[in-house]
Amino acid sequence: MPDLNVVAVLKAKPGAEQIVGDALRGLVQPTRAEEGCVSYDLYSSATAPGTFFTIEKWRSQSDLDGHMQTAHIQQALSIAGEHLAEAPDINPLLPV
């Protein structure tokens, strides 16, 4: 089975960009250390301030599901949650 590619989009409320960015930066290293994580990179938009993207690759859907239950994800969401303009938009990708 091929790896699962995922793009997640997270948008901070105006004025909360630093809080959300810090919470997301705190996810990078522990996520990369997870079993099943092939790659995990965090970006911010050059054209839409406060919009963050994770570009991820997982061995399987079950690895991604496990990632969403980790303590570091739960902690980041508890810190950033009220500062997000909308719910995170998580997009598993299919090859075309």
C-alpha atoms as a PDB file:
ATOM      1  CA  MET A   1       0.000   0.000   0.000  1.00  0.00           C
ATOM      2  CA  PRO A   2       1.408   3.457  -0.881  1.00  0.00           C
ATOM      3  CA  ASP A   3       2.052   6.080   1.773  1.00  0.00           C
ATOM      4  CA  LEU A   4      -0.797   8.417   2.733  1.00  0.00           C
ATOM      5  CA  ASN A   5      -0.127  12.074   1.885  1.00  0.00           C
ATOM      6  CA  VAL A   6      -1.992  14.685   3.919  1.00  0.00           C
ATOM      7  CA  VAL A   7      -2.273  18.468   3.846  1.00  0.00           C
ATOM      8  CA  ALA A   8      -3.792  20.209   6.854  1.00  0.00           C
ATOM      9  CA  VAL A   9      -4.803  23.875   6.814  1.00  0.00           C
ATOM     10  CA  LEU A  10      -5.122  25.810  10.064  1.00  0.00           C
ATOM     11  CA  LYS A  11      -6.164  29.450  10.194  1.00  0.00           C
ATOM     12  CA  ALA A  12      -5.499  31.672  13.192  1.00  0.00           C
ATOM     13  CA  LYS A  13      -7.861  34.410  14.269  1.00  0.00           C
ATOM     14  CA  PRO A  14      -6.438  37.894  13.643  1.00  0.00           C
ATOM     15  CA  GLY A  15      -4.012  38.730  16.429  1.00  0.00           C
ATOM     16  CA  ALA A  16      -3.548  35.070  17.422  1.00  0.00           C
ATOM     17  CA  GLU A  17      -0.986  34.138  14.765  1.00  0.00           C
ATOM     18  CA  GLN A  18       1.884  33.814  17.275  1.00  0.00           C
ATOM     19  CA  ILE A  19      -0.084  31.596  19.677  1.00  0.00           C
ATOM     20  CA  VAL A  20      -1.231  29.249  16.915  1.00  0.00           C
ATOM     21  CA  GLY A  21       2.182  29.221  15.238  1.00  0.00           C
ATOM     22  CA  ASP A  22       3.944  28.385  18.512  1.00  0.00           C
ATOM     23  CA  ALA A  23       1.493  25.545  19.245  1.00  0.00           C
ATOM     24  CA  LEU A  24       2.003  24.119  15.755  1.00  0.00           C
ATOM     25  CA  ARG A  25       5.800  24.441  15.887  1.00  0.00           C
ATOM     26  CA  GLY A  26       5.669  22.374  19.072  1.00  0.00           C
ATOM     27  CA  LEU A  27       4.159  19.486  17.082  1.00  0.00           C
ATOM     28  CA  VAL A  28       6.929  19.066  14.530  1.00  0.00           C
ATOM     29  CA  GLN A  29       9.589  17.151  16.454  1.00  0.00           C
ATOM     30  CA  PRO A  30       7.295  14.801  18.431  1.00  0.00           C
ATOM     31  CA  THR A  31       5.274  14.054  15.310  1.00  0.00           C
ATOM     32  CA  ARG A  32       8.371  13.231  13.268  1.00  0.00           C
ATOM     33  CA  ALA A  33       9.334  10.754  16.012  1.00  0.00           C
ATOM     34  CA  GLU A  34       6.014   8.897  15.795  1.00  0.00           C
ATOM     35  CA  GLU A  35       5.851   5.363  14.475  1.00  0.00           C
ATOM     36  CA  GLY A  36       4.363   5.559  10.986  1.00  0.00           C
ATOM     37  CA  CYS A  37       5.373   9.162  10.263  1.00  0.00           C
ATOM     38  CA  VAL A  38       7.368   9.301   7.027  1.00  0.00           C
ATOM     39  CA  SER A  39       7.551  13.112   6.955  1.00  0.00           C
ATOM     40  CA  TYR A  40       5.912  16.098   8.629  1.00  0.00           C
ATOM     41  CA  ASP A  41       6.622  19.727   7.682  1.00  0.00           C
ATOM     42  CA  LEU A  42       5.011  22.982   8.828  1.00  0.00           C
ATOM     43  CA  TYR A  43       4.614  26.058   6.619  1.00  0.00           C
ATOM     44  CA  SER A  44       2.949  29.450   6.868  1.00  0.00           C
ATOM     45  CA  SER A  45       1.331  31.140   3.909  1.00  0.00           C
ATOM     46  CA  ALA A  46       3.311  33.860   2.163  1.00  0.00           C
ATOM     47  CA  THR A  47       0.045  35.487   1.011  1.00  0.00           C
ATOM     48  CA  ALA A  48      -2.433  34.830   3.845  1.00  0.00           C
ATOM     49  CA  PRO A  49      -0.982  35.779   7.241  1.00  0.00           C
ATOM     50  CA  GLY A  50      -2.044  33.433  10.026  1.00  0.00           C
ATOM     51  CA  THR A  51      -2.670  30.495   7.693  1.00  0.00           C
ATOM     52  CA  PHE A  52      -0.553  27.438   8.433  1.00  0.00           C
ATOM     53  CA  PHE A  53      -0.123  24.209   6.489  1.00  0.00           C
ATOM     54  CA  THR A  54       1.233  20.834   7.451  1.00  0.00           C
ATOM     55  CA  ILE A  55       2.477  18.654   4.617  1.00  0.00           C
ATOM     56  CA  GLU A  56       2.531  15.119   5.957  1.00  0.00           C
ATOM     57  CA  LYS A  57       3.257  11.585   4.812  1.00  0.00           C
ATOM     58  CA  TRP A  58       2.091   8.566   6.819  1.00  0.00           C
ATOM     59  CA  ARG A  59       2.544   4.866   6.224  1.00  0.00           C
ATOM     60  CA  SER A  60      -1.194   4.250   6.645  1.00  0.00           C
ATOM     61  CA  GLN A  61      -4.528   5.716   7.637  1.00  0.00           C
ATOM     62  CA  SER A  62      -4.253   3.939  10.984  1.00  0.00           C
ATOM     63  CA  ASP A  63      -0.927   5.735  11.625  1.00  0.00           C
ATOM     64  CA  LEU A  64      -2.621   9.069  10.894  1.00  0.00           C
ATOM     65  CA  ASP A  65      -5.546   8.105  13.138  1.00  0.00           C
ATOM     66  CA  GLY A  66      -3.102   7.257  15.921  1.00  0.00           C
ATOM     67  CA  HIS A  67      -1.345  10.586  15.434  1.00  0.00           C
ATOM     68  CA  MET A  68      -4.607  12.444  15.974  1.00  0.00           C
ATOM     69  CA  GLN A  69      -4.945  10.764  19.400  1.00  0.00           C
ATOM     70  CA  THR A  70      -1.456  11.590  20.697  1.00  0.00           C
ATOM     71  CA  ALA A  71      -0.896  13.762  23.738  1.00  0.00           C
ATOM     72  CA  HIS A  72       1.053  16.349  21.710  1.00  0.00           C
ATOM     73  CA  ILE A  73      -1.823  16.810  19.243  1.00  0.00           C
ATOM     74  CA  GLN A  74      -4.334  17.111  22.067  1.00  0.00           C
ATOM     75  CA  GLN A  75      -2.107  19.628  23.858  1.00  0.00           C
ATOM     76  CA  ALA A  76      -1.584  21.749  20.719  1.00  0.00           C
ATOM     77  CA  LEU A  77      -5.307  21.779  19.988  1.00  0.00           C
ATOM     78  CA  SER A  78      -6.109  22.772  23.562  1.00  0.00           C
ATOM     79  CA  ILE A  79      -3.676  25.703  23.302  1.00  0.00           C
ATOM     80  CA  ALA A  80      -4.560  26.801  19.770  1.00  0.00           C
ATOM     81  CA  GLY A  81      -8.215  25.746  19.652  1.00  0.00           C
ATOM     82  CA  GLU A  82      -9.909  28.946  20.796  1.00  0.00           C
ATOM     83  CA  HIS A  83      -7.466  30.947  18.663  1.00  0.00           C
ATOM     84  CA  LEU A  84      -8.377  29.219  15.397  1.00  0.00           C
ATOM     85  CA  ALA A  85     -10.701  31.032  13.012  1.00  0.00           C
ATOM     86  CA  GLU A  86     -12.261  27.692  11.993  1.00  0.00           C
ATOM     87  CA  ALA A  87     -11.813  23.978  12.561  1.00  0.00           C
ATOM     88  CA  PRO A  88      -8.614  22.486  11.119  1.00  0.00           C
ATOM     89  CA  ASP A  89      -9.114  21.339   7.521  1.00  0.00           C
ATOM     90  CA  ILE A  90      -7.357  17.965   7.220  1.00  0.00           C
ATOM     91  CA  ASN A  91      -7.071  16.622   3.664  1.00  0.00           C
ATOM     92  CA  PRO A  92      -5.864  13.091   2.938  1.00  0.00           C
ATOM     93  CA  LEU A  93      -4.804  13.125  -0.719  1.00  0.00           C
ATOM     94  CA  LEU A  94      -5.398  10.646  -3.532  1.00  0.00           C
ATOM     95  CA  PRO A  95      -3.091  10.411  -6.550  1.00  0.00           C
ATOM     96  CA  VAL A  96      -4.603  11.635  -9.809  1.00  0.00           C
END
